[in-house]
Structure formats: C-alpha cells, structure tokens
Amino acid sequence: MPSFDIVSEVNEVEVRNAVDQTNKEVSTRFDFKGSDARVEQAEKVLTVFADNDFQLDQVKDILRTKLAKRTVDVRCLDEGKVEKVSGNKVKQAITVKVGVETELAKRIVKLIKDSKLKVQASIQGDAVRVSGAKRDILQDTIALVRKDVTDFPLQYQNFRD
C-alpha cells in the first residue's frame, strides 16, 4: 500500500551558515560600528543581541535574508518576546521549529478526512503518515495539503509504493 510522510525539517547546517554570515555582515557594517549586535546559536534557539530595538530589527532582517538565500523557510522561526539586558541593550530568542506540532497534525488529519479522499492519515510522533490504495490519490492529497496549509513549511518524504 503506497504511503508518504508529511514532516517539517530544517537543514541545521544551513541555519548555522546563515548565522555565521549574519554575524560577519553585522561586524562589517558601518551602522553597527561599536555596537554589541550579534546572533548566537544554541541547538534550535537563535538569540539575537543588539543595543536597541531598531538594531534588533535590523539584525533579524539580515538573518531572515540570509536564511532565505540558503533555502531555509523563515516560517519555521518562532520569535519570543524582546527582553531588556543591561542598560538599554536588548535580546530576543528565536526558536527554529522542527516537526509537525500536535495541533497542526490534527488539523491536517481532519482536513484529509473531510476531503473524502480514499486515504488514511495517522499521526506518527512529529510527522503525519498518509497511506492509500493508489499513487494518484496520494498525489491529490499532497496537492490538497499544499493548498490549505500555508502557515507552516511542510515537506513530503518517504514516498513508498
């Protein structure tokens, strides 16, 4: 029985490269001269430091641009709240979301069941497995999910006949 998985993954090497490129550009730009603006990465959390809110927005914009150039979907970034550090310096934690969250997985399964396509969808940890009798129906399911779920980056992997 043919099947495929709906997952959400991020290439961590590309994220690290984008963070390095962002730090390099911030260190060479004239408007950041003498400031403490930078991006630090720890596992799936990126912490953006800056001297004020305007510089924080500038660094985040550079980071998003570098991620987009490296084909990392910026919809997987979850920005936390801006925190004051010492004086007027600020920082913000940005989480890189990996895996299909439970709410989204339930929404995808409900969407597939409501579509009346002859496929079965089940939640498998942080992925959704879809199986059906024919390859054409699975391709219709991929098209349906692509059209309806636009707020989160999804990949379709592990296609088996």
N, C-alpha and C. Protein backbone atom coordinates (compact mmCIF):
# COMPACT_ATOMS: atom_id res chain seq x y z
N MET A 1 0.85 -1.18 0.00
CA MET A 1 0.00 0.00 0.00
C MET A 1 0.89 1.25 0.00
N PRO A 2 0.78 2.10 -1.00
CA PRO A 2 1.63 3.31 -1.08
C PRO A 2 1.39 4.25 0.10
N SER A 3 2.46 4.90 0.53
CA SER A 3 2.34 5.85 1.64
C SER A 3 3.43 6.90 1.54
N PHE A 4 3.24 8.00 2.29
CA PHE A 4 4.26 9.04 2.41
C PHE A 4 4.09 9.72 3.76
N ASP A 5 5.10 10.48 4.16
CA ASP A 5 5.07 11.19 5.44
C ASP A 5 5.06 12.69 5.19
N ILE A 6 4.27 13.41 5.98
CA ILE A 6 4.28 14.87 5.98
C ILE A 6 5.11 15.28 7.19
N VAL A 7 6.23 15.95 6.94
CA VAL A 7 7.15 16.33 8.02
C VAL A 7 7.50 17.81 7.87
N SER A 8 8.17 18.32 8.88
CA SER A 8 8.71 19.68 8.82
C SER A 8 10.12 19.62 9.37
N GLU A 9 11.10 19.73 8.49
CA GLU A 9 12.50 19.66 8.90
C GLU A 9 13.25 20.89 8.41
N VAL A 10 14.32 21.21 9.11
CA VAL A 10 15.16 22.35 8.76
C VAL A 10 16.59 21.85 8.67
N ASN A 11 17.29 22.26 7.64
CA ASN A 11 18.69 21.89 7.48
C ASN A 11 19.53 22.70 8.47
N GLU A 12 20.01 22.05 9.52
CA GLU A 12 20.73 22.74 10.58
C GLU A 12 22.06 23.33 10.12
N VAL A 13 22.69 22.70 9.14
CA VAL A 13 23.95 23.21 8.60
C VAL A 13 23.71 24.56 7.92
N GLU A 14 22.63 24.66 7.18
CA GLU A 14 22.30 25.92 6.51
C GLU A 14 21.95 27.00 7.52
N VAL A 15 21.28 26.63 8.61
CA VAL A 15 20.97 27.61 9.65
C VAL A 15 22.26 28.13 10.28
N ARG A 16 23.19 27.23 10.58
CA ARG A 16 24.48 27.64 11.16
C ARG A 16 25.23 28.56 10.19
N ASN A 17 25.23 28.21 8.89
CA ASN A 17 25.90 29.06 7.90
C ASN A 17 25.25 30.43 7.81
N ALA A 18 23.91 30.48 7.87
CA ALA A 18 23.21 31.77 7.82
C ALA A 18 23.54 32.61 9.05
N VAL A 19 23.64 31.98 10.23
CA VAL A 19 24.00 32.72 11.45
C VAL A 19 25.42 33.27 11.32
N ASP A 20 26.34 32.45 10.81
CA ASP A 20 27.73 32.92 10.61
C ASP A 20 27.79 34.08 9.63
N GLN A 21 27.06 33.99 8.54
CA GLN A 21 27.04 35.06 7.55
C GLN A 21 26.42 36.34 8.14
N THR A 22 25.38 36.17 8.95
CA THR A 22 24.75 37.34 9.58
C THR A 22 25.74 38.03 10.51
N ASN A 23 26.43 37.27 11.34
CA ASN A 23 27.41 37.86 12.25
C ASN A 23 28.53 38.55 11.49
N LYS A 24 28.95 37.96 10.39
CA LYS A 24 30.01 38.57 9.59
C LYS A 24 29.55 39.90 8.98
N GLU A 25 28.33 39.91 8.45
CA GLU A 25 27.82 41.15 7.86
C GLU A 25 27.61 42.24 8.91
N VAL A 26 27.10 41.86 10.08
CA VAL A 26 26.88 42.83 11.16
C VAL A 26 28.21 43.41 11.62
N SER A 27 29.25 42.59 11.67
CA SER A 27 30.55 43.09 12.14
C SER A 27 31.21 44.04 11.14
N THR A 28 30.85 43.94 9.86
CA THR A 28 31.47 44.80 8.86
C THR A 28 30.63 46.02 8.49
N ARG A 29 29.35 46.05 8.89
CA ARG A 29 28.51 47.18 8.50
C ARG A 29 28.81 48.41 9.33
N PHE A 30 28.77 49.57 8.68
CA PHE A 30 29.11 50.83 9.33
C PHE A 30 28.10 51.22 10.40
N ASP A 31 26.81 50.96 10.17
CA ASP A 31 25.80 51.36 11.14
C ASP A 31 25.82 50.52 12.42
N PHE A 32 26.57 49.42 12.43
CA PHE A 32 26.73 48.61 13.64
C PHE A 32 28.10 48.80 14.28
N LYS A 33 28.87 49.80 13.82
CA LYS A 33 30.23 50.04 14.32
C LYS A 33 30.17 50.34 15.82
N GLY A 34 30.92 49.58 16.61
CA GLY A 34 30.99 49.80 18.06
C GLY A 34 29.81 49.24 18.84
N SER A 35 28.90 48.56 18.17
CA SER A 35 27.75 48.00 18.89
C SER A 35 28.02 46.54 19.24
N ASP A 36 27.16 46.00 20.07
CA ASP A 36 27.30 44.61 20.51
C ASP A 36 26.26 43.74 19.81
N ALA A 37 25.92 44.05 18.58
CA ALA A 37 24.90 43.31 17.85
C ALA A 37 25.49 42.00 17.33
N ARG A 38 24.74 40.88 17.58
CA ARG A 38 25.21 39.57 17.13
C ARG A 38 24.07 38.56 17.24
N VAL A 39 24.30 37.40 16.66
CA VAL A 39 23.36 36.29 16.77
C VAL A 39 24.12 35.09 17.31
N GLU A 40 23.58 34.47 18.35
CA GLU A 40 24.19 33.26 18.92
C GLU A 40 23.24 32.10 18.71
N GLN A 41 23.82 30.92 18.47
CA GLN A 41 23.01 29.73 18.24
C GLN A 41 23.32 28.68 19.28
N ALA A 42 22.26 28.13 19.88
CA ALA A 42 22.38 27.01 20.80
C ALA A 42 21.28 26.01 20.43
N GLU A 43 21.69 24.89 19.83
CA GLU A 43 20.74 23.87 19.36
C GLU A 43 19.71 24.51 18.41
N LYS A 44 18.44 24.54 18.81
CA LYS A 44 17.38 25.06 17.94
C LYS A 44 16.95 26.48 18.33
N VAL A 45 17.74 27.15 19.16
CA VAL A 45 17.39 28.50 19.61
C VAL A 45 18.45 29.49 19.13
N LEU A 46 18.00 30.51 18.42
CA LEU A 46 18.88 31.60 18.00
C LEU A 46 18.58 32.79 18.90
N THR A 47 19.63 33.38 19.49
CA THR A 47 19.45 34.55 20.35
C THR A 47 20.07 35.74 19.65
N VAL A 48 19.25 36.77 19.43
CA VAL A 48 19.69 37.97 18.74
C VAL A 48 19.93 39.04 19.80
N PHE A 49 21.15 39.61 19.81
CA PHE A 49 21.52 40.68 20.74
C PHE A 49 21.70 41.97 19.95
N ALA A 50 21.33 43.11 20.56
CA ALA A 50 21.53 44.41 19.92
C ALA A 50 21.52 45.50 20.99
N ASP A 51 21.92 46.71 20.57
CA ASP A 51 21.97 47.84 21.51
C ASP A 51 20.60 48.48 21.71
N ASN A 52 19.72 48.39 20.72
CA ASN A 52 18.37 48.95 20.86
C ASN A 52 17.40 48.18 19.96
N ASP A 53 16.12 48.55 20.04
CA ASP A 53 15.10 47.82 19.28
C ASP A 53 15.29 47.96 17.77
N PHE A 54 15.71 49.14 17.33
CA PHE A 54 15.91 49.36 15.88
C PHE A 54 17.01 48.44 15.36
N GLN A 55 18.13 48.36 16.07
CA GLN A 55 19.22 47.48 15.64
C GLN A 55 18.80 46.02 15.71
N LEU A 56 17.98 45.68 16.70
CA LEU A 56 17.47 44.31 16.82
C LEU A 56 16.67 43.93 15.57
N ASP A 57 15.80 44.84 15.13
CA ASP A 57 15.02 44.58 13.92
C ASP A 57 15.92 44.46 12.70
N GLN A 58 16.98 45.29 12.64
CA GLN A 58 17.91 45.23 11.52
C GLN A 58 18.64 43.88 11.47
N VAL A 59 19.10 43.41 12.62
CA VAL A 59 19.81 42.12 12.67
C VAL A 59 18.87 40.98 12.30
N LYS A 60 17.62 41.02 12.78
CA LYS A 60 16.64 39.98 12.42
C LYS A 60 16.35 40.00 10.93
N ASP A 61 16.30 41.18 10.34
CA ASP A 61 16.07 41.28 8.90
C ASP A 61 17.23 40.67 8.12
N ILE A 62 18.46 40.95 8.55
CA ILE A 62 19.64 40.36 7.90
C ILE A 62 19.58 38.84 8.03
N LEU A 63 19.24 38.35 9.22
CA LEU A 63 19.17 36.91 9.47
C LEU A 63 18.13 36.26 8.56
N ARG A 64 16.94 36.86 8.47
CA ARG A 64 15.90 36.30 7.60
C ARG A 64 16.36 36.26 6.14
N THR A 65 17.04 37.31 5.70
CA THR A 65 17.54 37.35 4.32
C THR A 65 18.54 36.23 4.08
N LYS A 66 19.48 36.05 5.01
CA LYS A 66 20.49 35.00 4.85
C LYS A 66 19.85 33.61 4.87
N LEU A 67 18.85 33.41 5.74
CA LEU A 67 18.17 32.12 5.79
C LEU A 67 17.43 31.85 4.48
N ALA A 68 16.77 32.87 3.96
CA ALA A 68 16.02 32.70 2.71
C ALA A 68 16.95 32.38 1.54
N LYS A 69 18.13 33.02 1.51
CA LYS A 69 19.08 32.74 0.44
C LYS A 69 19.60 31.31 0.51
N ARG A 70 19.61 30.74 1.71
CA ARG A 70 20.09 29.37 1.89
C ARG A 70 18.94 28.37 1.90
N THR A 71 17.82 28.74 1.36
CA THR A 71 16.62 27.91 1.22
C THR A 71 16.10 27.33 2.54
N VAL A 72 16.22 28.11 3.60
CA VAL A 72 15.60 27.74 4.87
C VAL A 72 14.33 28.58 4.97
N ASP A 73 13.19 27.92 5.11
CA ASP A 73 11.92 28.63 5.16
C ASP A 73 11.80 29.43 6.46
N VAL A 74 11.59 30.73 6.35
CA VAL A 74 11.55 31.58 7.54
C VAL A 74 10.24 31.43 8.32
N ARG A 75 9.28 30.69 7.77
CA ARG A 75 8.04 30.45 8.53
C ARG A 75 8.26 29.51 9.70
N CYS A 76 9.42 28.83 9.74
CA CYS A 76 9.71 27.93 10.84
C CYS A 76 10.30 28.66 12.04
N LEU A 77 10.48 29.98 11.94
CA LEU A 77 11.03 30.77 13.05
C LEU A 77 9.90 31.23 13.95
N ASP A 78 10.08 31.03 15.25
CA ASP A 78 9.10 31.46 16.24
C ASP A 78 9.78 32.46 17.16
N GLU A 79 9.43 33.73 17.01
CA GLU A 79 10.10 34.78 17.76
C GLU A 79 9.50 34.91 19.15
N GLY A 80 10.39 34.97 20.15
CA GLY A 80 9.96 35.19 21.52
C GLY A 80 9.82 36.68 21.79
N LYS A 81 9.63 37.03 23.05
CA LYS A 81 9.47 38.46 23.36
C LYS A 81 10.84 39.11 23.55
N VAL A 82 10.87 40.41 23.32
CA VAL A 82 12.11 41.18 23.44
C VAL A 82 12.36 41.43 24.92
N GLU A 83 13.58 41.12 25.37
CA GLU A 83 13.94 41.30 26.79
C GLU A 83 15.03 42.36 26.90
N LYS A 84 14.93 43.15 27.96
CA LYS A 84 15.99 44.11 28.26
C LYS A 84 17.11 43.37 28.97
N VAL A 85 18.36 43.69 28.60
CA VAL A 85 19.50 43.06 29.27
C VAL A 85 20.04 44.09 30.24
N SER A 86 21.20 44.64 30.00
CA SER A 86 21.74 45.65 30.91
C SER A 86 21.69 47.01 30.21
N GLY A 87 21.33 48.04 30.95
CA GLY A 87 21.21 49.36 30.35
C GLY A 87 20.07 49.36 29.35
N ASN A 88 20.35 49.76 28.13
CA ASN A 88 19.29 49.75 27.11
C ASN A 88 19.51 48.66 26.07
N LYS A 89 20.39 47.72 26.35
CA LYS A 89 20.63 46.60 25.43
C LYS A 89 19.44 45.64 25.48
N VAL A 90 19.16 45.01 24.33
CA VAL A 90 18.03 44.10 24.25
C VAL A 90 18.47 42.78 23.62
N LYS A 91 17.66 41.74 23.88
CA LYS A 91 17.89 40.45 23.23
C LYS A 91 16.55 39.80 22.97
N GLN A 92 16.55 38.90 22.00
CA GLN A 92 15.33 38.19 21.65
C GLN A 92 15.69 36.77 21.26
N ALA A 93 14.94 35.81 21.79
CA ALA A 93 15.14 34.41 21.45
C ALA A 93 14.24 34.04 20.28
N ILE A 94 14.82 33.39 19.29
CA ILE A 94 14.07 32.92 18.12
C ILE A 94 14.24 31.41 18.06
N THR A 95 13.13 30.69 18.14
CA THR A 95 13.16 29.24 18.12
C THR A 95 12.95 28.74 16.71
N VAL A 96 13.78 27.80 16.29
CA VAL A 96 13.61 27.15 14.99
C VAL A 96 12.73 25.93 15.22
N LYS A 97 11.50 25.99 14.69
CA LYS A 97 10.53 24.91 14.92
C LYS A 97 10.80 23.76 13.95
N VAL A 98 10.91 22.56 14.52
CA VAL A 98 11.14 21.36 13.73
C VAL A 98 10.08 20.34 14.12
N GLY A 99 9.53 19.67 13.14
CA GLY A 99 8.50 18.67 13.41
C GLY A 99 7.11 19.29 13.31
N VAL A 100 6.14 18.47 12.96
CA VAL A 100 4.76 18.92 12.87
C VAL A 100 4.17 18.89 14.28
N GLU A 101 3.74 20.06 14.75
CA GLU A 101 3.17 20.14 16.10
C GLU A 101 1.83 19.42 16.15
N THR A 102 1.40 19.04 17.34
CA THR A 102 0.19 18.24 17.52
C THR A 102 -1.04 18.93 16.95
N GLU A 103 -1.17 20.24 17.23
CA GLU A 103 -2.33 20.99 16.72
C GLU A 103 -2.39 20.95 15.20
N LEU A 104 -1.26 21.21 14.55
CA LEU A 104 -1.20 21.21 13.09
C LEU A 104 -1.44 19.80 12.55
N ALA A 105 -0.88 18.80 13.22
CA ALA A 105 -1.08 17.41 12.77
C ALA A 105 -2.56 17.04 12.83
N LYS A 106 -3.24 17.43 13.89
CA LYS A 106 -4.68 17.15 13.99
C LYS A 106 -5.46 17.88 12.90
N ARG A 107 -5.03 19.11 12.61
CA ARG A 107 -5.69 19.89 11.55
C ARG A 107 -5.50 19.23 10.18
N ILE A 108 -4.30 18.70 9.93
CA ILE A 108 -4.02 18.03 8.66
C ILE A 108 -4.85 16.75 8.54
N VAL A 109 -4.88 15.96 9.61
CA VAL A 109 -5.66 14.71 9.59
C VAL A 109 -7.14 15.01 9.36
N LYS A 110 -7.68 16.03 10.03
CA LYS A 110 -9.08 16.41 9.86
C LYS A 110 -9.34 16.88 8.44
N LEU A 111 -8.41 17.67 7.88
CA LEU A 111 -8.55 18.14 6.50
C LEU A 111 -8.61 16.97 5.53
N ILE A 112 -7.73 15.99 5.72
CA ILE A 112 -7.69 14.83 4.82
C ILE A 112 -8.96 14.00 4.96
N LYS A 113 -9.44 13.81 6.19
CA LYS A 113 -10.65 13.02 6.38
C LYS A 113 -11.88 13.73 5.82
N ASP A 114 -11.93 15.05 5.97
CA ASP A 114 -13.08 15.81 5.45
C ASP A 114 -13.08 15.88 3.93
N SER A 115 -11.93 15.65 3.30
CA SER A 115 -11.85 15.75 1.84
C SER A 115 -12.48 14.56 1.14
N LYS A 116 -12.80 13.51 1.87
CA LYS A 116 -13.41 12.29 1.34
C LYS A 116 -12.52 11.54 0.34
N LEU A 117 -11.20 11.83 0.36
CA LEU A 117 -10.27 11.04 -0.44
C LEU A 117 -10.10 9.68 0.23
N LYS A 118 -9.84 8.65 -0.57
CA LYS A 118 -9.73 7.30 -0.02
C LYS A 118 -8.31 7.04 0.47
N VAL A 119 -7.93 7.78 1.53
CA VAL A 119 -6.62 7.62 2.16
C VAL A 119 -6.81 7.62 3.68
N GLN A 120 -5.82 7.07 4.36
CA GLN A 120 -5.82 7.08 5.81
C GLN A 120 -4.66 7.95 6.27
N ALA A 121 -4.93 8.83 7.23
CA ALA A 121 -3.89 9.69 7.78
C ALA A 121 -3.77 9.38 9.27
N SER A 122 -2.53 9.25 9.73
CA SER A 122 -2.32 8.99 11.15
C SER A 122 -1.11 9.78 11.64
N ILE A 123 -1.16 10.18 12.89
CA ILE A 123 -0.07 10.96 13.48
C ILE A 123 0.98 9.98 14.00
N GLN A 124 2.22 10.16 13.53
CA GLN A 124 3.34 9.29 13.92
C GLN A 124 4.40 10.18 14.58
N GLY A 125 4.28 10.46 15.84
CA GLY A 125 5.25 11.33 16.54
C GLY A 125 5.14 12.75 16.04
N ASP A 126 6.20 13.25 15.40
CA ASP A 126 6.15 14.61 14.88
C ASP A 126 5.98 14.62 13.35
N ALA A 127 5.33 13.60 12.82
CA ALA A 127 5.04 13.50 11.39
C ALA A 127 3.63 12.97 11.22
N VAL A 128 3.10 13.13 10.01
CA VAL A 128 1.78 12.58 9.68
C VAL A 128 1.99 11.60 8.53
N ARG A 129 1.60 10.35 8.73
CA ARG A 129 1.73 9.33 7.69
C ARG A 129 0.40 9.21 6.96
N VAL A 130 0.47 9.25 5.64
CA VAL A 130 -0.71 9.13 4.80
C VAL A 130 -0.52 7.90 3.92
N SER A 131 -1.51 7.01 3.91
CA SER A 131 -1.42 5.82 3.06
C SER A 131 -2.74 5.66 2.32
N GLY A 132 -2.63 5.14 1.10
CA GLY A 132 -3.81 4.96 0.27
C GLY A 132 -3.58 3.85 -0.72
N ALA A 133 -4.62 3.55 -1.51
CA ALA A 133 -4.55 2.43 -2.43
C ALA A 133 -3.76 2.76 -3.69
N LYS A 134 -3.86 4.02 -4.17
CA LYS A 134 -3.23 4.36 -5.43
C LYS A 134 -2.35 5.59 -5.28
N ARG A 135 -1.32 5.63 -6.10
CA ARG A 135 -0.37 6.75 -6.09
C ARG A 135 -1.06 8.07 -6.47
N ASP A 136 -2.00 8.02 -7.42
CA ASP A 136 -2.69 9.23 -7.86
C ASP A 136 -3.46 9.89 -6.72
N ILE A 137 -4.08 9.10 -5.89
CA ILE A 137 -4.84 9.64 -4.76
C ILE A 137 -3.89 10.29 -3.76
N LEU A 138 -2.72 9.69 -3.56
CA LEU A 138 -1.73 10.29 -2.66
C LEU A 138 -1.24 11.62 -3.21
N GLN A 139 -1.05 11.71 -4.52
CA GLN A 139 -0.64 12.97 -5.13
C GLN A 139 -1.72 14.04 -4.99
N ASP A 140 -2.99 13.63 -5.09
CA ASP A 140 -4.09 14.57 -4.86
C ASP A 140 -4.10 15.05 -3.41
N THR A 141 -3.75 14.15 -2.49
CA THR A 141 -3.68 14.51 -1.07
C THR A 141 -2.58 15.53 -0.83
N ILE A 142 -1.42 15.33 -1.45
CA ILE A 142 -0.32 16.30 -1.32
C ILE A 142 -0.76 17.67 -1.83
N ALA A 143 -1.42 17.69 -2.98
CA ALA A 143 -1.90 18.96 -3.54
C ALA A 143 -2.90 19.64 -2.61
N LEU A 144 -3.78 18.85 -2.00
CA LEU A 144 -4.78 19.39 -1.07
C LEU A 144 -4.11 20.02 0.14
N VAL A 145 -3.14 19.32 0.74
CA VAL A 145 -2.46 19.83 1.94
C VAL A 145 -1.63 21.06 1.58
N ARG A 146 -0.96 21.04 0.43
CA ARG A 146 -0.17 22.20 -0.01
C ARG A 146 -1.03 23.44 -0.16
N LYS A 147 -2.24 23.24 -0.70
CA LYS A 147 -3.14 24.37 -0.95
C LYS A 147 -3.70 24.93 0.36
N ASP A 148 -4.00 24.06 1.32
CA ASP A 148 -4.69 24.50 2.52
C ASP A 148 -3.76 24.95 3.65
N VAL A 149 -2.63 24.29 3.84
CA VAL A 149 -1.72 24.62 4.94
C VAL A 149 -0.60 25.50 4.38
N THR A 150 -0.74 26.82 4.59
CA THR A 150 0.26 27.74 4.06
C THR A 150 1.02 28.47 5.16
N ASP A 151 0.65 28.25 6.41
CA ASP A 151 1.26 29.00 7.51
C ASP A 151 2.46 28.30 8.13
N PHE A 152 2.81 27.12 7.65
CA PHE A 152 3.93 26.37 8.22
C PHE A 152 4.61 25.58 7.10
N PRO A 153 5.95 25.54 7.07
CA PRO A 153 6.63 24.81 5.99
C PRO A 153 6.54 23.29 6.18
N LEU A 154 6.06 22.61 5.16
CA LEU A 154 5.91 21.15 5.22
C LEU A 154 6.68 20.52 4.07
N GLN A 155 7.23 19.35 4.32
CA GLN A 155 7.87 18.56 3.28
C GLN A 155 7.17 17.20 3.21
N TYR A 156 7.21 16.61 2.04
CA TYR A 156 6.56 15.32 1.80
C TYR A 156 7.64 14.32 1.46
N GLN A 157 7.88 13.38 2.37
CA GLN A 157 9.02 12.48 2.25
C GLN A 157 8.59 11.04 2.38
N ASN A 158 9.57 10.16 2.17
CA ASN A 158 9.41 8.73 2.43
C ASN A 158 8.29 8.13 1.60
N PHE A 159 8.20 8.54 0.34
CA PHE A 159 7.14 8.04 -0.54
C PHE A 159 7.46 6.61 -0.91
N ARG A 160 6.55 5.71 -0.60
CA ARG A 160 6.78 4.28 -0.88
C ARG A 160 5.61 3.71 -1.65
N ASP A 161 5.95 2.82 -2.58
CA ASP A 161 4.90 2.14 -3.35
C ASP A 161 4.54 0.81 -2.72
